[in-house]
Amino acid sequence: MDIYEVEQNIITEFDSFEDWMDKYNYIIELGKDLPLIDEQYKTDQYLISGCQSQVWLHAEFKDGKVVYTADSDAIITKGIIHLLIRALSNQTPEAIINAQLTYIDRIGLKDHLSPTRSNGLASMIKQMKMYAVAFQIKNKED
């Protein structure tokens, strides 16, 4: 499934909820299914700067695709990073770099986050795209 198809699925899921409390609860539930980072990567090197809570993100390059794992000390943040991983993991570096991630606005997520959480969301996206750029460059050199 490509990024656009995943985004459409997420939009459909969020459209089924009437209010934002239900959407927050769903985000919290998603966090419980987060592809968890291996404990060896829960170090400062993998912390995303700019996040209010602690968020660790790791990426691997497997079979031409980037695979992300993460963890956070905040339940809502776990759900947010899960939404990003769901869309971007197992995609090519080029697809990740070019992803517009319009679903974030379409589900109203940015409008319902505090300014510090919004900054954290932007930092998560930036770090995920930076991993993709690094894998793209490394792949061209090999």
N, C-alpha and C. Protein backbone atom coordinates (compact mmCIF):
# COMPACT_ATOMS: atom_id res chain seq x y z
N MET A 1 0.85 -1.18 0.00
CA MET A 1 0.00 0.00 0.00
C MET A 1 0.89 1.24 0.00
N ASP A 2 0.59 2.20 -0.85
CA ASP A 2 1.42 3.40 -0.89
C ASP A 2 0.95 4.41 0.17
N ILE A 3 1.71 5.47 0.34
CA ILE A 3 1.43 6.45 1.39
C ILE A 3 0.05 7.06 1.23
N TYR A 4 -0.31 7.40 0.01
CA TYR A 4 -1.62 8.01 -0.25
C TYR A 4 -2.76 7.08 0.19
N GLU A 5 -2.64 5.80 -0.11
CA GLU A 5 -3.68 4.83 0.28
C GLU A 5 -3.77 4.72 1.80
N VAL A 6 -2.64 4.69 2.46
CA VAL A 6 -2.64 4.63 3.93
C VAL A 6 -3.30 5.89 4.49
N GLU A 7 -2.96 7.05 3.93
CA GLU A 7 -3.56 8.31 4.37
C GLU A 7 -5.08 8.27 4.23
N GLN A 8 -5.56 7.75 3.11
CA GLN A 8 -7.01 7.68 2.89
C GLN A 8 -7.68 6.78 3.92
N ASN A 9 -7.04 5.67 4.26
CA ASN A 9 -7.57 4.77 5.29
C ASN A 9 -7.65 5.48 6.64
N ILE A 10 -6.61 6.22 6.98
CA ILE A 10 -6.60 6.94 8.26
C ILE A 10 -7.69 8.00 8.29
N ILE A 11 -7.86 8.73 7.19
CA ILE A 11 -8.92 9.75 7.11
C ILE A 11 -10.29 9.11 7.31
N THR A 12 -10.52 7.98 6.66
CA THR A 12 -11.80 7.27 6.80
C THR A 12 -12.02 6.85 8.25
N GLU A 13 -10.99 6.33 8.89
CA GLU A 13 -11.10 5.92 10.30
C GLU A 13 -11.49 7.11 11.17
N PHE A 14 -10.83 8.24 10.98
CA PHE A 14 -11.11 9.42 11.81
C PHE A 14 -12.47 10.04 11.50
N ASP A 15 -12.93 9.90 10.27
CA ASP A 15 -14.26 10.42 9.91
C ASP A 15 -15.38 9.68 10.65
N SER A 16 -15.09 8.48 11.14
CA SER A 16 -16.13 7.71 11.82
C SER A 16 -16.38 8.20 13.25
N PHE A 17 -15.53 9.09 13.75
CA PHE A 17 -15.71 9.62 15.11
C PHE A 17 -16.40 10.97 15.06
N GLU A 18 -17.31 11.17 15.99
CA GLU A 18 -18.11 12.40 16.00
C GLU A 18 -17.38 13.58 16.63
N ASP A 19 -16.68 13.32 17.73
CA ASP A 19 -16.03 14.45 18.42
C ASP A 19 -14.56 14.14 18.70
N TRP A 20 -13.86 15.19 19.14
CA TRP A 20 -12.43 15.05 19.33
C TRP A 20 -12.03 14.23 20.54
N MET A 21 -12.89 14.10 21.51
CA MET A 21 -12.55 13.21 22.63
C MET A 21 -12.45 11.77 22.14
N ASP A 22 -13.37 11.38 21.24
CA ASP A 22 -13.30 10.04 20.67
C ASP A 22 -12.04 9.87 19.82
N LYS A 23 -11.67 10.92 19.09
CA LYS A 23 -10.46 10.86 18.27
C LYS A 23 -9.21 10.76 19.14
N TYR A 24 -9.17 11.51 20.24
CA TYR A 24 -8.03 11.41 21.16
C TYR A 24 -7.93 10.00 21.73
N ASN A 25 -9.06 9.44 22.12
CA ASN A 25 -9.06 8.08 22.65
C ASN A 25 -8.55 7.09 21.61
N TYR A 26 -8.93 7.30 20.35
CA TYR A 26 -8.45 6.43 19.28
C TYR A 26 -6.94 6.57 19.11
N ILE A 27 -6.45 7.80 19.16
CA ILE A 27 -5.00 8.03 19.04
C ILE A 27 -4.26 7.31 20.17
N ILE A 28 -4.81 7.38 21.37
CA ILE A 28 -4.21 6.68 22.52
C ILE A 28 -4.20 5.17 22.28
N GLU A 29 -5.30 4.65 21.74
CA GLU A 29 -5.36 3.21 21.42
C GLU A 29 -4.32 2.84 20.37
N LEU A 30 -4.15 3.69 19.36
CA LEU A 30 -3.15 3.42 18.32
C LEU A 30 -1.75 3.33 18.93
N GLY A 31 -1.50 4.16 19.92
CA GLY A 31 -0.19 4.15 20.57
C GLY A 31 0.16 2.82 21.20
N LYS A 32 -0.87 2.06 21.57
CA LYS A 32 -0.63 0.74 22.17
C LYS A 32 -0.11 -0.26 21.15
N ASP A 33 -0.31 0.03 19.86
CA ASP A 33 0.15 -0.86 18.79
C ASP A 33 1.39 -0.31 18.08
N LEU A 34 2.03 0.65 18.68
CA LEU A 34 3.22 1.27 18.09
C LEU A 34 4.32 0.24 17.89
N PRO A 35 4.93 0.19 16.69
CA PRO A 35 6.09 -0.68 16.50
C PRO A 35 7.24 -0.16 17.38
N LEU A 36 7.43 -0.83 18.50
CA LEU A 36 8.36 -0.31 19.52
C LEU A 36 9.81 -0.45 19.13
N ILE A 37 10.53 0.59 19.46
CA ILE A 37 11.97 0.65 19.24
C ILE A 37 12.66 -0.34 20.18
N ASP A 38 13.73 -0.94 19.71
CA ASP A 38 14.52 -1.82 20.55
C ASP A 38 15.16 -0.98 21.67
N GLU A 39 15.21 -1.55 22.85
CA GLU A 39 15.74 -0.83 24.02
C GLU A 39 17.13 -0.23 23.78
N GLN A 40 17.94 -0.88 22.95
CA GLN A 40 19.30 -0.36 22.71
C GLN A 40 19.29 1.00 22.02
N TYR A 41 18.16 1.36 21.40
CA TYR A 41 18.06 2.65 20.71
C TYR A 41 17.37 3.73 21.54
N LYS A 42 17.01 3.39 22.76
CA LYS A 42 16.39 4.40 23.63
C LYS A 42 17.49 5.19 24.34
N THR A 43 18.25 5.91 23.50
CA THR A 43 19.35 6.73 23.98
C THR A 43 19.17 8.14 23.44
N ASP A 44 19.98 9.05 23.95
CA ASP A 44 19.89 10.45 23.51
C ASP A 44 20.09 10.60 22.00
N GLN A 45 20.88 9.72 21.42
CA GLN A 45 21.16 9.79 19.98
C GLN A 45 19.88 9.65 19.15
N TYR A 46 18.90 8.93 19.66
CA TYR A 46 17.67 8.67 18.92
C TYR A 46 16.49 9.51 19.40
N LEU A 47 16.74 10.38 20.37
CA LEU A 47 15.68 11.28 20.84
C LEU A 47 15.42 12.35 19.78
N ILE A 48 14.15 12.66 19.58
CA ILE A 48 13.79 13.72 18.64
C ILE A 48 13.78 15.04 19.40
N SER A 49 14.61 15.97 18.97
CA SER A 49 14.64 17.27 19.64
C SER A 49 13.43 18.08 19.17
N GLY A 50 12.92 18.93 20.04
CA GLY A 50 11.78 19.75 19.70
C GLY A 50 10.46 19.17 20.18
N CYS A 51 10.51 18.02 20.81
CA CYS A 51 9.29 17.40 21.33
C CYS A 51 9.16 17.71 22.82
N GLN A 52 7.93 17.96 23.24
CA GLN A 52 7.64 18.23 24.64
C GLN A 52 7.92 16.98 25.48
N SER A 53 7.53 15.82 24.97
CA SER A 53 7.80 14.57 25.67
C SER A 53 9.00 13.90 25.01
N GLN A 54 9.45 12.84 25.63
CA GLN A 54 10.58 12.12 25.05
C GLN A 54 10.05 11.20 23.95
N VAL A 55 10.65 11.30 22.78
CA VAL A 55 10.29 10.44 21.65
C VAL A 55 11.58 9.92 21.04
N TRP A 56 11.69 8.60 21.00
CA TRP A 56 12.84 7.96 20.38
C TRP A 56 12.39 7.40 19.04
N LEU A 57 13.20 7.61 18.01
CA LEU A 57 12.88 7.13 16.67
C LEU A 57 14.10 6.46 16.06
N HIS A 58 13.88 5.29 15.51
CA HIS A 58 14.96 4.56 14.84
C HIS A 58 14.46 4.16 13.46
N ALA A 59 15.37 4.11 12.50
CA ALA A 59 15.02 3.68 11.15
C ALA A 59 16.06 2.72 10.62
N GLU A 60 15.58 1.74 9.87
CA GLU A 60 16.45 0.79 9.19
C GLU A 60 16.08 0.77 7.72
N PHE A 61 17.03 0.39 6.90
CA PHE A 61 16.80 0.29 5.47
C PHE A 61 16.77 -1.20 5.13
N LYS A 62 15.60 -1.69 4.71
CA LYS A 62 15.43 -3.10 4.40
C LYS A 62 14.77 -3.25 3.04
N ASP A 63 15.43 -3.96 2.15
CA ASP A 63 14.86 -4.25 0.83
C ASP A 63 14.39 -3.00 0.10
N GLY A 64 15.18 -1.93 0.20
CA GLY A 64 14.86 -0.71 -0.52
C GLY A 64 13.81 0.16 0.15
N LYS A 65 13.41 -0.20 1.36
CA LYS A 65 12.38 0.56 2.07
C LYS A 65 12.86 0.93 3.47
N VAL A 66 12.30 2.02 3.99
CA VAL A 66 12.66 2.49 5.33
C VAL A 66 11.64 1.91 6.31
N VAL A 67 12.14 1.34 7.39
CA VAL A 67 11.29 0.76 8.43
C VAL A 67 11.57 1.50 9.73
N TYR A 68 10.52 2.11 10.28
CA TYR A 68 10.65 2.91 11.50
C TYR A 68 10.13 2.15 12.72
N THR A 69 10.78 2.41 13.85
CA THR A 69 10.26 2.00 15.15
C THR A 69 10.43 3.19 16.08
N ALA A 70 9.62 3.24 17.13
CA ALA A 70 9.67 4.41 18.01
C ALA A 70 9.12 4.05 19.39
N ASP A 71 9.25 5.00 20.29
CA ASP A 71 8.62 4.92 21.60
C ASP A 71 8.56 6.33 22.17
N SER A 72 7.69 6.51 23.14
CA SER A 72 7.56 7.80 23.82
C SER A 72 7.13 7.55 25.25
N ASP A 73 7.40 8.54 26.09
CA ASP A 73 6.98 8.45 27.48
C ASP A 73 5.57 9.05 27.68
N ALA A 74 4.94 9.50 26.60
CA ALA A 74 3.60 10.09 26.69
C ALA A 74 2.63 9.31 25.80
N ILE A 75 1.47 8.97 26.35
CA ILE A 75 0.55 8.09 25.62
C ILE A 75 -0.01 8.74 24.34
N ILE A 76 -0.30 10.02 24.38
CA ILE A 76 -0.83 10.67 23.18
C ILE A 76 0.25 10.76 22.10
N THR A 77 1.48 11.00 22.52
CA THR A 77 2.59 11.09 21.58
C THR A 77 2.87 9.74 20.93
N LYS A 78 2.70 8.66 21.68
CA LYS A 78 2.85 7.32 21.10
C LYS A 78 1.86 7.14 19.95
N GLY A 79 0.64 7.61 20.15
CA GLY A 79 -0.37 7.50 19.10
C GLY A 79 -0.04 8.35 17.89
N ILE A 80 0.48 9.54 18.14
CA ILE A 80 0.83 10.45 17.03
C ILE A 80 1.97 9.86 16.20
N ILE A 81 3.01 9.37 16.86
CA ILE A 81 4.13 8.80 16.11
C ILE A 81 3.68 7.53 15.39
N HIS A 82 2.74 6.80 16.01
CA HIS A 82 2.19 5.61 15.34
C HIS A 82 1.50 5.99 14.02
N LEU A 83 0.75 7.09 14.03
CA LEU A 83 0.10 7.56 12.80
C LEU A 83 1.12 7.88 11.71
N LEU A 84 2.23 8.45 12.10
CA LEU A 84 3.29 8.78 11.14
C LEU A 84 3.98 7.51 10.62
N ILE A 85 4.30 6.62 11.54
CA ILE A 85 4.95 5.36 11.15
C ILE A 85 4.04 4.56 10.23
N ARG A 86 2.77 4.55 10.55
CA ARG A 86 1.82 3.80 9.73
C ARG A 86 1.85 4.28 8.27
N ALA A 87 1.96 5.57 8.08
CA ALA A 87 1.97 6.13 6.72
C ALA A 87 3.33 5.99 6.05
N LEU A 88 4.41 6.14 6.80
CA LEU A 88 5.74 6.25 6.18
C LEU A 88 6.59 4.99 6.23
N SER A 89 6.35 4.11 7.18
CA SER A 89 7.18 2.92 7.30
C SER A 89 6.91 1.97 6.13
N ASN A 90 7.94 1.26 5.73
CA ASN A 90 7.87 0.32 4.61
C ASN A 90 7.61 1.02 3.28
N GLN A 91 8.09 2.24 3.17
CA GLN A 91 8.01 3.00 1.92
C GLN A 91 9.44 3.30 1.46
N THR A 92 9.58 3.65 0.20
CA THR A 92 10.90 3.98 -0.32
C THR A 92 11.33 5.36 0.20
N PRO A 93 12.64 5.59 0.28
CA PRO A 93 13.09 6.92 0.71
C PRO A 93 12.47 8.04 -0.13
N GLU A 94 12.42 7.84 -1.43
CA GLU A 94 11.87 8.88 -2.32
C GLU A 94 10.40 9.18 -1.99
N ALA A 95 9.62 8.13 -1.74
CA ALA A 95 8.20 8.33 -1.41
C ALA A 95 8.06 9.09 -0.09
N ILE A 96 8.90 8.76 0.87
CA ILE A 96 8.86 9.44 2.17
C ILE A 96 9.24 10.91 2.03
N ILE A 97 10.31 11.17 1.30
CA ILE A 97 10.77 12.55 1.10
C ILE A 97 9.69 13.39 0.43
N ASN A 98 8.99 12.81 -0.53
CA ASN A 98 7.98 13.54 -1.29
C ASN A 98 6.59 13.52 -0.66
N ALA A 99 6.41 12.79 0.41
CA ALA A 99 5.09 12.67 1.04
C ALA A 99 4.60 14.03 1.55
N GLN A 100 3.39 14.38 1.20
CA GLN A 100 2.79 15.64 1.65
C GLN A 100 2.12 15.51 3.01
N LEU A 101 1.74 14.30 3.37
CA LEU A 101 1.09 14.01 4.65
C LEU A 101 -0.13 14.91 4.90
N THR A 102 -0.94 15.05 3.88
CA THR A 102 -2.13 15.90 3.98
C THR A 102 -3.15 15.35 4.97
N TYR A 103 -3.06 14.07 5.28
CA TYR A 103 -4.03 13.48 6.21
C TYR A 103 -3.96 14.14 7.59
N ILE A 104 -2.81 14.66 7.96
CA ILE A 104 -2.67 15.30 9.27
C ILE A 104 -3.62 16.48 9.38
N ASP A 105 -3.69 17.29 8.33
CA ASP A 105 -4.64 18.41 8.32
C ASP A 105 -6.08 17.93 8.11
N ARG A 106 -6.24 16.93 7.25
CA ARG A 106 -7.59 16.45 6.92
C ARG A 106 -8.30 15.84 8.13
N ILE A 107 -7.54 15.20 9.03
CA ILE A 107 -8.19 14.64 10.22
C ILE A 107 -8.28 15.68 11.34
N GLY A 108 -7.70 16.86 11.12
CA GLY A 108 -7.78 17.95 12.10
C GLY A 108 -6.80 17.84 13.24
N LEU A 109 -5.79 17.01 13.08
CA LEU A 109 -4.85 16.78 14.18
C LEU A 109 -4.13 18.05 14.61
N LYS A 110 -3.57 18.78 13.66
CA LYS A 110 -2.82 19.99 14.01
C LYS A 110 -3.67 21.00 14.78
N ASP A 111 -4.95 21.09 14.39
CA ASP A 111 -5.86 22.05 15.04
C ASP A 111 -6.17 21.69 16.48
N HIS A 112 -5.94 20.43 16.85
CA HIS A 112 -6.31 19.98 18.18
C HIS A 112 -5.11 19.62 19.05
N LEU A 113 -3.95 20.10 18.65
CA LEU A 113 -2.74 19.90 19.46
C LEU A 113 -2.30 21.23 20.04
N SER A 114 -1.69 21.17 21.20
CA SER A 114 -1.12 22.38 21.78
C SER A 114 0.04 22.82 20.88
N PRO A 115 0.44 24.09 20.98
CA PRO A 115 1.57 24.55 20.16
C PRO A 115 2.84 23.71 20.35
N THR A 116 3.10 23.28 21.58
CA THR A 116 4.32 22.48 21.80
C THR A 116 4.18 21.10 21.17
N ARG A 117 3.00 20.50 21.21
CA ARG A 117 2.79 19.20 20.56
C ARG A 117 2.85 19.35 19.03
N SER A 118 2.33 20.47 18.52
CA SER A 118 2.42 20.73 17.08
C SER A 118 3.87 20.84 16.64
N ASN A 119 4.68 21.52 17.44
CA ASN A 119 6.12 21.61 17.14
C ASN A 119 6.75 20.23 17.17
N GLY A 120 6.33 19.42 18.15
CA GLY A 120 6.84 18.05 18.25
C GLY A 120 6.47 17.22 17.04
N LEU A 121 5.24 17.37 16.57
CA LEU A 121 4.79 16.68 15.37
C LEU A 121 5.66 17.06 14.18
N ALA A 122 5.91 18.34 14.01
CA ALA A 122 6.78 18.81 12.92
C ALA A 122 8.18 18.23 13.05
N SER A 123 8.68 18.15 14.28
CA SER A 123 10.02 17.59 14.51
C SER A 123 10.06 16.10 14.17
N MET A 124 8.99 15.37 14.48
CA MET A 124 8.92 13.95 14.16
C MET A 124 8.96 13.75 12.64
N ILE A 125 8.15 14.53 11.93
CA ILE A 125 8.10 14.43 10.47
C ILE A 125 9.47 14.76 9.88
N LYS A 126 10.08 15.83 10.37
CA LYS A 126 11.39 16.24 9.88
C LYS A 126 12.42 15.13 10.08
N GLN A 127 12.42 14.52 11.25
CA GLN A 127 13.40 13.46 11.53
C GLN A 127 13.16 12.24 10.65
N MET A 128 11.90 11.89 10.43
CA MET A 128 11.59 10.75 9.58
C MET A 128 12.05 11.00 8.14
N LYS A 129 11.85 12.22 7.68
CA LYS A 129 12.28 12.56 6.32
C LYS A 129 13.81 12.63 6.24
N MET A 130 14.46 13.07 7.31
CA MET A 130 15.93 13.12 7.31
C MET A 130 16.52 11.71 7.22
N TYR A 131 15.91 10.76 7.92
CA TYR A 131 16.35 9.37 7.78
C TYR A 131 16.21 8.92 6.33
N ALA A 132 15.10 9.26 5.70
CA ALA A 132 14.86 8.86 4.31
C ALA A 132 15.92 9.46 3.38
N VAL A 133 16.25 10.73 3.60
CA VAL A 133 17.28 11.39 2.80
C VAL A 133 18.62 10.67 2.99
N ALA A 134 18.95 10.36 4.22
CA ALA A 134 20.23 9.68 4.50
C ALA A 134 20.28 8.32 3.80
N PHE A 135 19.18 7.57 3.85
CA PHE A 135 19.17 6.26 3.19
C PHE A 135 19.23 6.41 1.67
N GLN A 136 18.59 7.44 1.15
CA GLN A 136 18.61 7.68 -0.29
C GLN A 136 20.05 7.99 -0.76
N ILE A 137 20.74 8.83 -0.02
CA ILE A 137 22.12 9.20 -0.36
C ILE A 137 23.02 7.98 -0.24
N LYS A 138 22.90 7.24 0.86
CA LYS A 138 23.74 6.06 1.09
C LYS A 138 23.48 5.02 0.01
N ASN A 139 22.24 4.85 -0.38
CA ASN A 139 21.87 3.86 -1.40
C ASN A 139 22.48 4.22 -2.76
N LYS A 140 22.56 5.50 -3.06
CA LYS A 140 23.14 5.93 -4.34
C LYS A 140 24.65 5.73 -4.35
N GLU A 141 25.28 5.81 -3.16
CA GLU A 141 26.72 5.65 -3.08
C GLU A 141 27.12 4.18 -3.20
N ASP A 142 26.24 3.29 -2.75
CA ASP A 142 26.58 1.84 -2.76
C ASP A 142 26.54 1.23 -4.14
